């Protein structure tokens, strides 16, 4: 049996790892000159940078992506470093203390700053625990079978009952249910800017999912109760390229082939069944299974001459794609830890999340004034920079297309403006930079083979999903961040696991 996979990002490599274990002869076609997609690294002059801050959720043993690494026998090849992040707002900071005071320290911090919301914080944390129990049971149910699955589903139903009255609330409304203070609400809603989704469009219960307490303090126990577990957050020692490398090695060691500069121009379909792909150089690769990652619009363009159902066309047209990012990678000759203790800090300079996202969707770029992230990978992995130096990434969400001018023409201007904002917190970044690399949305388009670069894939808007994994054509599957998996590496690799399960059955 043969399988061809279009794209060597995390979804394509995960699929390849599963398929070689199932005995498939696997070929992975990558249009770019390097494998890994946005999971790959950038390297220059002894420095290494990830494509963003990658404090990964769900990669610990027993979690979503952790289970996938275990399935592929790769868990021992990926060294994880449990860690956390810091939020900095104009008037206060959410940062763990040197002495751990228990899992409720963040709620206590909020109560001191927002005493009028103390009761709401207690209600929020009670429901947070319930939600994590709900999610734990849901994932256990999905990976179990028989009586164990039935028991998990029964418990799942009971845990869901308290949430039924607020099931249709959006995040804005649900946050108002708990908190009076706009500043406090922003502490729970601000992360939605990463997804480029308005709080009024985001599923209310998702607030609990995107604000796990361990993300703010790695000392927080992951087990909440007898039935509840919250996710851990980890860095990959040496950078996420390690995951790319071990997955690629698994594929090739099992006889699979991974080809760079191999652009697929057509998915070949006959009588409603995928037969293989054709490359730009005219080569045809016959396959029993075809799996396509990347963009949904680009996926449809590969189906040349194929009668595509109208509802599939409409689904792709209606996809609420995220916007892009602007990144500045620096190699610096001083220790930025003098000003930023954590490897990852989110600097939020506005409490107006909804308005900021409205501007972004109109192509109006805030130039870093609304906020950005500073990530210092060499703090957790010193090998990612030469001795005495540090690798630093500053990035922020940005429009896929600028309203005024082009990213290529304004590359250096926009990079410098972002650095000016970052230097308000970490002085000396420009003065002490020995390497500087600005990455624009146009660069990401080339790397990911997209016309619209959507950094995280489909924006998580209520009632809207990415494209289904199973297409209307036999043996043709769509995987990745623009599929129903949704954004986040943990969700993407788990989505591939679901797809492989369907192929196997």
Protein backbone atom coordinates (compact mmCIF):
# COMPACT_ATOMS: atom_id res chain seq x y z
CA UNK A 1 0.00 0.00 0.00
CA UNK A 2 1.20 3.50 -0.83
CA UNK A 3 0.42 6.88 0.71
CA UNK A 4 1.40 10.34 -0.46
CA UNK A 5 1.33 13.32 1.89
CA UNK A 6 1.29 16.91 0.66
CA UNK A 7 3.25 19.10 3.07
CA UNK A 8 5.89 18.34 5.70
CA UNK A 9 4.58 20.47 8.55
CA UNK A 10 3.67 18.91 11.87
CA UNK A 11 0.45 17.40 10.48
CA UNK A 12 2.11 15.83 7.45
CA UNK A 13 5.00 14.37 9.45
CA UNK A 14 2.64 13.01 12.12
CA UNK A 15 0.57 11.33 9.42
CA UNK A 16 3.70 9.87 7.87
CA UNK A 17 4.81 8.46 11.22
CA UNK A 18 1.50 6.70 11.76
CA UNK A 19 1.28 5.40 8.19
CA UNK A 20 4.75 3.83 8.14
CA UNK A 21 3.77 1.98 11.30
CA UNK A 22 0.71 0.68 9.42
CA UNK A 23 2.98 -0.66 6.70
CA UNK A 24 2.43 2.03 4.06
CA UNK A 25 5.09 3.04 1.59
CA UNK A 26 5.04 6.77 2.37
CA UNK A 27 6.10 9.73 0.22
CA UNK A 28 6.01 13.24 1.68
CA UNK A 29 6.10 16.11 -0.85
CA UNK A 30 7.28 19.49 0.44
CA UNK A 31 7.23 22.51 -1.88
CA UNK A 32 9.69 24.54 0.26
CA UNK A 33 13.44 24.06 0.45
CA UNK A 34 13.23 22.86 4.08
CA UNK A 35 10.86 20.52 5.87
CA UNK A 36 8.81 21.39 8.95
CA UNK A 37 6.60 24.24 7.78
CA UNK A 38 6.08 26.75 10.58
CA UNK A 39 7.27 24.11 13.06
CA UNK A 40 10.73 24.33 11.53
CA UNK A 41 13.55 26.55 12.69
CA UNK A 42 15.51 29.48 11.36
CA UNK A 43 19.29 29.31 11.93
CA UNK A 44 22.00 31.89 11.35
CA UNK A 45 25.49 32.52 12.75
CA UNK A 46 25.08 30.01 15.58
CA UNK A 47 21.62 31.26 16.62
CA UNK A 48 18.38 29.27 16.32
CA UNK A 49 14.84 30.61 16.46
CA UNK A 50 11.43 28.96 16.41
CA UNK A 51 8.63 30.38 14.30
CA UNK A 52 7.13 32.09 17.30
CA UNK A 53 7.00 31.29 21.00
CA UNK A 54 6.34 27.62 21.38
CA UNK A 55 5.40 26.95 24.95
CA UNK A 56 3.48 23.86 23.96
CA UNK A 57 0.25 22.68 25.53
CA UNK A 58 -0.59 19.00 25.76
CA UNK A 59 2.78 17.38 24.97
CA UNK A 60 3.37 15.82 28.39
CA UNK A 61 2.82 12.05 28.77
CA UNK A 62 -0.87 11.16 28.83
CA UNK A 63 -1.95 14.41 27.15
CA UNK A 64 -3.20 14.98 23.59
CA UNK A 65 0.09 15.36 21.75
CA UNK A 66 1.91 13.34 24.39
CA UNK A 67 -0.25 10.35 23.48
CA UNK A 68 0.66 10.82 19.81
CA UNK A 69 4.40 10.89 20.59
CA UNK A 70 3.88 7.72 22.62
CA UNK A 71 1.94 6.06 19.78
CA UNK A 72 4.86 6.81 17.45
CA UNK A 73 7.47 5.62 20.01
CA UNK A 74 9.05 9.08 19.99
CA UNK A 75 8.39 10.18 23.55
CA UNK A 76 11.89 9.38 24.77
CA UNK A 77 13.47 11.25 21.84
CA UNK A 78 11.86 14.58 22.75
CA UNK A 79 13.10 16.21 25.95
CA UNK A 80 10.47 18.46 27.48
CA UNK A 81 11.01 21.34 29.90
CA UNK A 82 7.92 22.26 31.88
CA UNK A 83 7.55 26.04 32.10
CA UNK A 84 5.10 28.96 32.18
CA UNK A 85 4.43 32.44 30.83
CA UNK A 86 3.96 35.97 32.14
CA UNK A 87 1.26 38.52 31.24
CA UNK A 88 2.16 42.20 31.47
CA UNK A 89 -0.66 44.77 31.31
CA UNK A 90 -0.41 48.57 31.46
CA UNK A 91 -1.33 48.64 35.16
CA UNK A 92 -0.35 45.23 36.55
CA UNK A 93 1.50 42.00 35.83
CA UNK A 94 0.53 38.33 36.22
CA UNK A 95 3.79 36.68 37.27
CA UNK A 96 4.45 33.83 39.65
CA UNK A 97 6.15 34.64 42.95
CA UNK A 98 9.47 33.14 43.96
CA UNK A 99 7.68 31.14 46.67
CA UNK A 100 4.81 28.91 45.53
CA UNK A 101 1.66 29.53 47.57
CA UNK A 102 -0.66 26.97 46.00
CA UNK A 103 -2.74 26.42 42.87
CA UNK A 104 -5.05 29.34 43.66
CA UNK A 105 -2.34 32.03 43.79
CA UNK A 106 -3.53 33.70 40.59
CA UNK A 107 -7.09 34.00 41.94
CA UNK A 108 -5.65 35.47 45.16
CA UNK A 109 -3.63 38.00 43.15
CA UNK A 110 -6.76 39.06 41.30
CA UNK A 111 -8.77 39.37 44.51
CA UNK A 112 -6.21 41.76 45.97
CA UNK A 113 -6.30 43.96 42.88
CA UNK A 114 -10.03 43.61 42.14
CA UNK A 115 -11.71 43.09 45.56
CA UNK A 116 -15.15 43.84 44.12
CA UNK A 117 -14.85 40.71 41.95
CA UNK A 118 -13.83 38.29 44.73
CA UNK A 119 -17.09 36.31 44.62
CA UNK A 120 -16.99 36.16 40.83
CA UNK A 121 -13.45 34.81 40.97
CA UNK A 122 -14.58 32.05 43.32
CA UNK A 123 -17.40 31.14 40.91
CA UNK A 124 -15.01 31.24 37.97
CA UNK A 125 -12.50 28.90 39.61
CA UNK A 126 -15.26 26.47 40.66
CA UNK A 127 -16.45 26.28 37.06
CA UNK A 128 -12.86 26.09 35.80
CA UNK A 129 -12.34 22.89 37.81
CA UNK A 130 -15.62 21.46 36.49
CA UNK A 131 -14.63 22.29 32.93
CA UNK A 132 -11.24 20.61 33.25
CA UNK A 133 -12.97 17.52 34.63
CA UNK A 134 -15.30 17.63 31.63
CA UNK A 135 -12.40 17.83 29.15
CA UNK A 136 -10.51 15.05 30.92
CA UNK A 137 -13.50 12.73 30.61
CA UNK A 138 -14.06 13.70 26.96
CA UNK A 139 -10.50 12.81 25.97
CA UNK A 140 -10.55 9.62 28.03
CA UNK A 141 -13.79 8.61 26.33
CA UNK A 142 -12.36 9.19 22.87
CA UNK A 143 -9.35 6.93 23.45
CA UNK A 144 -11.25 4.20 25.28
CA UNK A 145 -13.71 1.56 24.11
CA UNK A 146 -16.42 -0.74 25.37
CA UNK A 147 -17.62 -0.37 28.96
CA UNK A 148 -14.90 2.12 29.85
CA UNK A 149 -16.00 4.41 27.02
CA UNK A 150 -19.66 4.11 28.05
CA UNK A 151 -18.81 4.93 31.66
CA UNK A 152 -16.78 8.00 30.61
CA UNK A 153 -19.62 9.23 28.41
CA UNK A 154 -22.12 8.86 31.26
CA UNK A 155 -19.89 10.87 33.58
CA UNK A 156 -19.34 13.36 30.78
CA UNK A 157 -23.08 13.98 30.48
CA UNK A 158 -23.43 14.61 34.22
CA UNK A 159 -20.48 17.03 34.22
CA UNK A 160 -22.05 18.91 31.33
CA UNK A 161 -25.35 19.62 33.11
CA UNK A 162 -24.17 22.70 35.12
CA UNK A 163 -22.94 24.32 31.89
CA UNK A 164 -26.14 23.95 29.87
CA UNK A 165 -27.53 27.40 30.85
CA UNK A 166 -24.37 29.12 29.58
CA UNK A 167 -23.56 26.82 26.68
CA UNK A 168 -24.48 29.42 24.06
CA UNK A 169 -22.72 32.34 25.77
CA UNK A 170 -19.88 33.96 23.89
CA UNK A 171 -16.66 34.79 25.73
CA UNK A 172 -17.54 38.46 26.16
CA UNK A 173 -20.86 37.63 27.76
CA UNK A 174 -19.47 34.84 29.92
CA UNK A 175 -16.64 37.02 31.25
CA UNK A 176 -19.23 39.66 32.20
CA UNK A 177 -21.14 36.96 34.07
CA UNK A 178 -18.13 36.47 36.35
CA UNK A 179 -16.37 39.85 36.47
CA UNK A 180 -17.34 43.53 36.66
CA UNK A 181 -13.88 44.98 35.96
CA UNK A 182 -12.90 45.43 32.33
CA UNK A 183 -9.24 45.08 33.33
CA UNK A 184 -9.93 41.74 34.99
CA UNK A 185 -11.94 40.50 32.03
CA UNK A 186 -8.98 41.37 29.80
CA UNK A 187 -6.77 39.03 31.82
CA UNK A 188 -8.91 36.13 30.59
CA UNK A 189 -9.78 37.44 27.10
CA UNK A 190 -6.48 38.90 25.92
CA UNK A 191 -5.11 35.56 24.67
CA UNK A 192 -7.91 35.59 22.06
CA UNK A 193 -5.88 38.20 20.18
CA UNK A 194 -3.44 35.39 19.35
CA UNK A 195 -6.29 33.63 17.55
CA UNK A 196 -7.51 36.88 15.94
CA UNK A 197 -11.01 36.19 17.20
CA UNK A 198 -13.30 38.75 18.81
CA UNK A 199 -14.45 37.85 22.34
CA UNK A 200 -18.03 38.27 21.07
CA UNK A 201 -17.39 35.48 18.51
CA UNK A 202 -15.53 32.98 20.71
CA UNK A 203 -17.24 30.12 22.55
CA UNK A 204 -17.69 31.23 26.15
CA UNK A 205 -16.65 27.95 27.75
CA UNK A 206 -13.44 28.19 25.76
CA UNK A 207 -12.25 30.81 28.26
CA UNK A 208 -11.41 27.99 30.65
CA UNK A 209 -9.54 26.07 27.93
CA UNK A 210 -7.30 28.98 26.92
CA UNK A 211 -6.47 29.99 30.50
CA UNK A 212 -5.10 26.82 32.14
CA UNK A 213 -3.55 27.63 35.50
CA UNK A 214 -0.33 25.62 34.85
CA UNK A 215 0.41 28.00 31.95
CA UNK A 216 1.16 30.67 34.57
CA UNK A 217 3.08 28.52 37.07
CA UNK A 218 4.87 25.28 36.24
CA UNK A 219 4.72 24.31 39.92
CA UNK A 220 0.93 23.90 39.70
CA UNK A 221 -0.09 20.22 40.04
CA UNK A 222 -1.68 18.94 36.85
CA UNK A 223 -4.21 16.80 38.70
CA UNK A 224 -7.13 18.89 39.96
CA UNK A 225 -9.41 16.20 41.35
CA UNK A 226 -10.19 12.50 41.04
CA UNK A 227 -11.61 13.03 37.55
CA UNK A 228 -9.93 16.26 36.45
CA UNK A 229 -6.55 17.03 34.97
CA UNK A 230 -5.30 20.30 33.53
CA UNK A 231 -2.72 20.51 30.75
CA UNK A 232 0.96 21.10 31.29
CA UNK A 233 3.00 23.58 29.28
CA UNK A 234 6.44 22.66 28.02
CA UNK A 235 9.30 23.81 25.85
CA UNK A 236 11.20 21.32 23.73
CA UNK A 237 14.85 21.29 24.76
CA UNK A 238 16.83 22.54 21.80
CA UNK A 239 13.71 23.87 20.04
CA UNK A 240 10.73 22.35 18.24
CA UNK A 241 12.92 21.36 15.30
CA UNK A 242 13.70 18.32 17.46
CA UNK A 243 10.11 17.11 16.94
CA UNK A 244 10.39 17.69 13.20
CA UNK A 245 13.67 15.79 13.03
CA UNK A 246 12.58 12.75 15.02
CA UNK A 247 9.34 12.42 13.04
CA UNK A 248 11.18 12.78 9.73
CA UNK A 249 13.77 10.21 10.83
CA UNK A 250 11.03 7.76 11.75
CA UNK A 251 9.53 8.05 8.27
CA UNK A 252 12.82 7.59 6.41
CA UNK A 253 14.06 4.83 8.71
CA UNK A 254 10.91 2.87 7.81
CA UNK A 255 11.59 3.26 4.10
CA UNK A 256 9.56 6.42 3.52
CA UNK A 257 10.70 9.30 1.33
CA UNK A 258 10.60 13.02 2.07
CA UNK A 259 11.26 15.35 -0.88
CA UNK A 260 11.95 19.10 -0.61
CA UNK A 261 11.29 21.44 -3.56
CA UNK A 262 8.59 19.01 -4.69
CA UNK A 263 5.53 21.11 -5.41
CA UNK A 264 2.27 19.22 -5.90
CA UNK A 265 0.13 20.90 -8.58
CA UNK A 266 -2.74 18.41 -8.78
CA UNK A 267 -4.47 15.73 -6.78
CA UNK A 268 -5.46 13.15 -9.34
CA UNK A 269 -9.07 11.92 -8.88
CA UNK A 270 -10.88 9.31 -10.97
CA UNK A 271 -14.48 8.19 -10.46
CA UNK A 272 -14.67 9.92 -7.10
CA UNK A 273 -11.48 8.30 -5.80
CA UNK A 274 -8.05 9.84 -5.19
CA UNK A 275 -5.43 8.03 -7.25
CA UNK A 276 -2.33 10.07 -6.42
CA UNK A 277 -0.70 13.43 -7.16
CA UNK A 278 1.16 15.19 -9.93
CA UNK A 279 4.24 17.29 -9.26
CA UNK A 280 5.26 20.54 -10.92
CA UNK A 281 7.96 18.68 -12.87
CA UNK A 282 5.32 16.43 -14.44
CA UNK A 283 5.99 13.37 -12.26
CA UNK A 284 2.93 11.41 -11.11
CA UNK A 285 2.91 9.53 -7.82
CA UNK A 286 0.26 6.82 -7.57
CA UNK A 287 -1.11 6.20 -4.08
CA UNK A 288 -3.79 4.30 -2.19
CA UNK A 289 -4.22 7.19 0.27
CA UNK A 290 -3.65 10.92 -0.30
CA UNK A 291 -3.39 13.29 2.68
CA UNK A 292 -3.17 17.05 2.08
CA UNK A 293 -2.13 19.64 4.62
CA UNK A 294 -1.82 23.41 4.28
CA UNK A 295 -4.50 25.82 3.11
CA UNK A 296 -8.10 24.86 2.39
CA UNK A 297 -8.30 27.16 -0.64
CA UNK A 298 -5.06 25.77 -1.99
CA UNK A 299 -6.42 22.27 -1.41
CA UNK A 300 -9.40 22.94 -3.70
CA UNK A 301 -7.06 24.34 -6.36
CA UNK A 302 -5.31 20.97 -6.44
CA UNK A 303 -8.56 19.27 -7.50
CA UNK A 304 -8.24 20.41 -11.11
CA UNK A 305 -10.96 19.12 -13.40
CA UNK A 306 -12.74 17.47 -10.48
CA UNK A 307 -16.42 18.07 -9.86
CA UNK A 308 -16.32 19.65 -6.40
CA UNK A 309 -19.62 19.70 -4.45
CA UNK A 310 -21.08 23.18 -3.95
CA UNK A 311 -21.23 22.78 -0.18
CA UNK A 312 -17.47 22.10 -0.06
CA UNK A 313 -16.83 25.25 -2.09
CA UNK A 314 -19.02 27.20 0.31
CA UNK A 315 -17.30 25.76 3.37
CA UNK A 316 -13.94 26.93 2.08
CA UNK A 317 -15.28 30.36 1.15
CA UNK A 318 -16.77 30.79 4.63
CA UNK A 319 -13.67 29.72 6.58
CA UNK A 320 -12.83 32.39 9.20
CA UNK A 321 -9.07 32.42 8.76
CA UNK A 322 -6.77 34.00 11.30
CA UNK A 323 -4.41 36.79 10.28
CA UNK A 324 -0.63 36.59 10.16
CA UNK A 325 2.29 37.71 12.35
CA UNK A 326 5.34 39.92 12.08
CA UNK A 327 8.46 38.54 13.74
CA UNK A 328 11.85 39.99 14.48
CA UNK A 329 14.50 37.41 15.36
CA UNK A 330 17.56 38.81 17.11
CA UNK A 331 20.88 37.45 18.25
CA UNK A 332 22.00 39.70 21.10
CA UNK A 333 25.26 40.02 23.01
CA UNK A 334 23.73 40.69 26.44
CA UNK A 335 21.37 38.88 28.80
CA UNK A 336 17.78 40.12 28.29
CA UNK A 337 16.91 38.16 31.42
CA UNK A 338 18.04 41.24 33.33
CA UNK A 339 14.70 42.75 32.30
CA UNK A 340 12.51 39.70 31.58
CA UNK A 341 12.68 36.77 34.00
CA UNK A 342 10.52 34.33 32.04
CA UNK A 343 11.43 32.92 28.65
CA UNK A 344 8.00 34.04 27.39
CA UNK A 345 6.19 37.23 28.30
CA UNK A 346 3.06 38.64 26.69
CA UNK A 347 3.07 42.44 26.75
CA UNK A 348 -0.52 43.69 26.43
CA UNK A 349 -0.78 47.44 26.00
CA UNK A 350 -4.55 47.66 25.62
CA UNK A 351 -7.65 46.31 27.32
CA UNK A 352 -9.73 46.82 24.16
CA UNK A 353 -9.38 43.35 22.63
CA UNK A 354 -12.49 43.54 20.45
CA UNK A 355 -11.55 46.90 18.91
CA UNK A 356 -7.96 45.87 18.28
CA UNK A 357 -9.07 42.79 16.36
CA UNK A 358 -11.54 44.87 14.32
CA UNK A 359 -8.67 47.12 13.21
CA UNK A 360 -6.48 44.15 12.33
CA UNK A 361 -9.14 42.58 10.17
CA UNK A 362 -9.37 45.86 8.25
CA UNK A 363 -5.67 45.61 7.45
CA UNK A 364 -4.70 48.28 9.98
CA UNK A 365 -1.45 47.23 11.65
CA UNK A 366 -0.86 48.48 15.20
CA UNK A 367 2.95 48.38 14.80
CA UNK A 368 3.31 46.72 18.21
CA UNK A 369 1.54 49.45 20.15
CA UNK A 370 -1.34 47.16 21.16
CA UNK A 371 0.94 44.39 22.29
CA UNK A 372 3.50 41.73 21.42
CA UNK A 373 5.32 38.68 22.76
CA UNK A 374 9.00 38.43 23.66
CA UNK A 375 10.40 34.89 23.63
CA UNK A 376 13.97 34.05 24.63
CA UNK A 377 14.53 30.38 23.69
CA UNK A 378 18.15 30.40 24.85
CA UNK A 379 16.91 30.85 28.43
CA UNK A 380 15.64 27.26 28.45
CA UNK A 381 18.01 25.91 25.78
CA UNK A 382 21.40 27.70 25.89
CA UNK A 383 22.54 25.74 22.83
CA UNK A 384 20.25 27.93 20.70
CA UNK A 385 22.77 30.79 20.91
CA UNK A 386 26.59 31.13 21.03
CA UNK A 387 28.19 31.38 24.46
CA UNK A 388 27.55 34.76 26.08
CA UNK A 389 24.71 35.52 23.66
CA UNK A 390 20.95 35.00 23.50
CA UNK A 391 18.38 34.28 20.82
CA UNK A 392 15.36 36.57 21.07
CA UNK A 393 12.09 36.60 19.12
CA UNK A 394 9.69 39.53 19.24
CA UNK A 395 6.42 38.96 17.44
CA UNK A 396 2.90 40.27 17.18
CA UNK A 397 -0.25 39.55 15.22
CA UNK A 398 -0.37 41.44 11.93
CA UNK A 399 -2.68 41.68 8.89
CA UNK A 400 -2.13 39.20 6.11
CA UNK A 401 -2.24 42.21 3.75
CA UNK A 402 -1.43 45.75 4.85
CA UNK A 403 -4.03 48.41 4.18
CA UNK A 404 -1.27 50.81 3.13
CA UNK A 405 1.90 49.69 1.34
CA UNK A 406 3.34 46.19 1.14
CA UNK A 407 5.13 44.04 3.67
CA UNK A 408 8.16 43.72 1.41
CA UNK A 409 8.55 47.49 1.01
CA UNK A 410 7.94 48.17 4.71
CA UNK A 411 9.83 45.17 6.13
CA UNK A 412 12.64 47.06 7.89
CA UNK A 413 10.39 49.95 8.93
CA UNK A 414 7.89 47.64 10.60
CA UNK A 415 10.61 45.54 12.18
CA UNK A 416 12.22 48.63 13.73
CA UNK A 417 8.89 49.95 15.00
CA UNK A 418 8.22 46.66 16.76
CA UNK A 419 11.70 46.77 18.30
CA UNK A 420 11.09 50.30 19.56
CA UNK A 421 8.01 49.05 21.42
CA UNK A 422 9.92 46.07 22.83
CA UNK A 423 12.75 48.31 24.04
CA UNK A 424 10.33 50.05 26.39
CA UNK A 425 10.62 46.84 28.42
CA UNK A 426 14.00 45.42 27.37
CA UNK A 427 16.42 48.28 26.64
CA UNK A 428 19.37 47.74 24.32
CA UNK A 429 17.90 45.19 21.93
CA UNK A 430 18.93 47.10 18.80
CA UNK A 431 22.23 48.36 20.15
CA UNK A 432 23.36 44.87 21.19
CA UNK A 433 21.99 42.93 18.22
CA UNK A 434 24.66 41.04 16.28
CA UNK A 435 22.05 39.33 14.06
CA UNK A 436 18.64 40.61 12.98
CA UNK A 437 16.10 38.77 10.83
CA UNK A 438 12.67 40.24 10.08
CA UNK A 439 10.01 37.73 9.01
CA UNK A 440 6.87 39.17 7.41
CA UNK A 441 3.52 37.62 6.46
CA UNK A 442 4.81 37.40 2.88
CA UNK A 443 7.72 35.24 4.06
CA UNK A 444 5.31 32.92 5.82
CA UNK A 445 3.21 32.65 2.67
CA UNK A 446 6.23 31.34 0.78
CA UNK A 447 7.22 28.92 3.51
CA UNK A 448 3.70 27.54 4.01
CA UNK A 449 2.55 27.83 0.36
CA UNK A 450 -0.45 30.01 1.18
CA UNK A 451 -2.08 32.99 -0.50
CA UNK A 452 -3.54 34.08 2.85
CA UNK A 453 -1.13 33.37 5.66
CA UNK A 454 -3.21 32.34 8.64
CA UNK A 455 -0.68 31.79 11.40
CA UNK A 456 -2.82 29.45 13.48
CA UNK A 457 -5.21 28.23 10.80
CA UNK A 458 -8.96 28.66 11.26
CA UNK A 459 -10.03 31.33 13.71
CA UNK A 460 -12.15 29.68 16.47
CA UNK A 461 -15.43 31.46 15.76
CA UNK A 462 -18.55 30.01 17.40
CA UNK A 463 -20.49 27.71 15.08
CA UNK A 464 -17.72 27.60 12.47
CA UNK A 465 -15.26 24.78 11.87
CA UNK A 466 -12.41 24.04 9.58
CA UNK A 467 -12.71 21.65 6.66
CA UNK A 468 -13.57 18.04 7.62
CA UNK A 469 -10.71 15.55 7.55
CA UNK A 470 -12.75 13.18 5.41
CA UNK A 471 -13.41 14.69 1.99
CA UNK A 472 -16.19 13.75 -0.47
CA UNK A 473 -13.59 11.77 -2.42
CA UNK A 474 -12.57 8.28 -1.39
CA UNK A 475 -9.06 7.94 0.07
CA UNK A 476 -8.52 11.72 0.08
CA UNK A 477 -8.03 13.44 3.45
CA UNK A 478 -7.45 17.03 4.57
CA UNK A 479 -5.31 17.58 7.66
CA UNK A 480 -3.69 20.52 9.41
CA UNK A 481 -4.62 23.79 11.09
CA UNK A 482 -7.26 24.74 8.51
CA UNK A 483 -9.06 21.44 9.02
CA UNK A 484 -11.56 20.55 11.71
CA UNK A 485 -8.62 19.92 14.06
CA UNK A 486 -8.33 23.63 14.70
CA UNK A 487 -5.31 25.62 15.81
CA UNK A 488 -2.49 24.56 18.09
CA UNK A 489 0.07 21.81 17.62
CA UNK A 490 -1.66 19.61 20.18
CA UNK A 491 -4.97 19.84 18.32
CA UNK A 492 -3.35 19.35 14.91
CA UNK A 493 -1.50 16.15 15.83
CA UNK A 494 -4.55 14.78 17.64
CA UNK A 495 -6.60 15.53 14.51
CA UNK A 496 -4.16 13.45 12.49
CA UNK A 497 -4.58 10.60 14.98
CA UNK A 498 -8.35 10.74 14.40
CA UNK A 499 -7.82 10.70 10.64
CA UNK A 500 -5.49 7.71 10.79
CA UNK A 501 -8.01 5.86 12.93
CA UNK A 502 -10.58 6.29 10.14
CA UNK A 503 -8.11 5.13 7.52
CA UNK A 504 -7.24 2.08 9.61
CA UNK A 505 -10.88 1.18 10.15
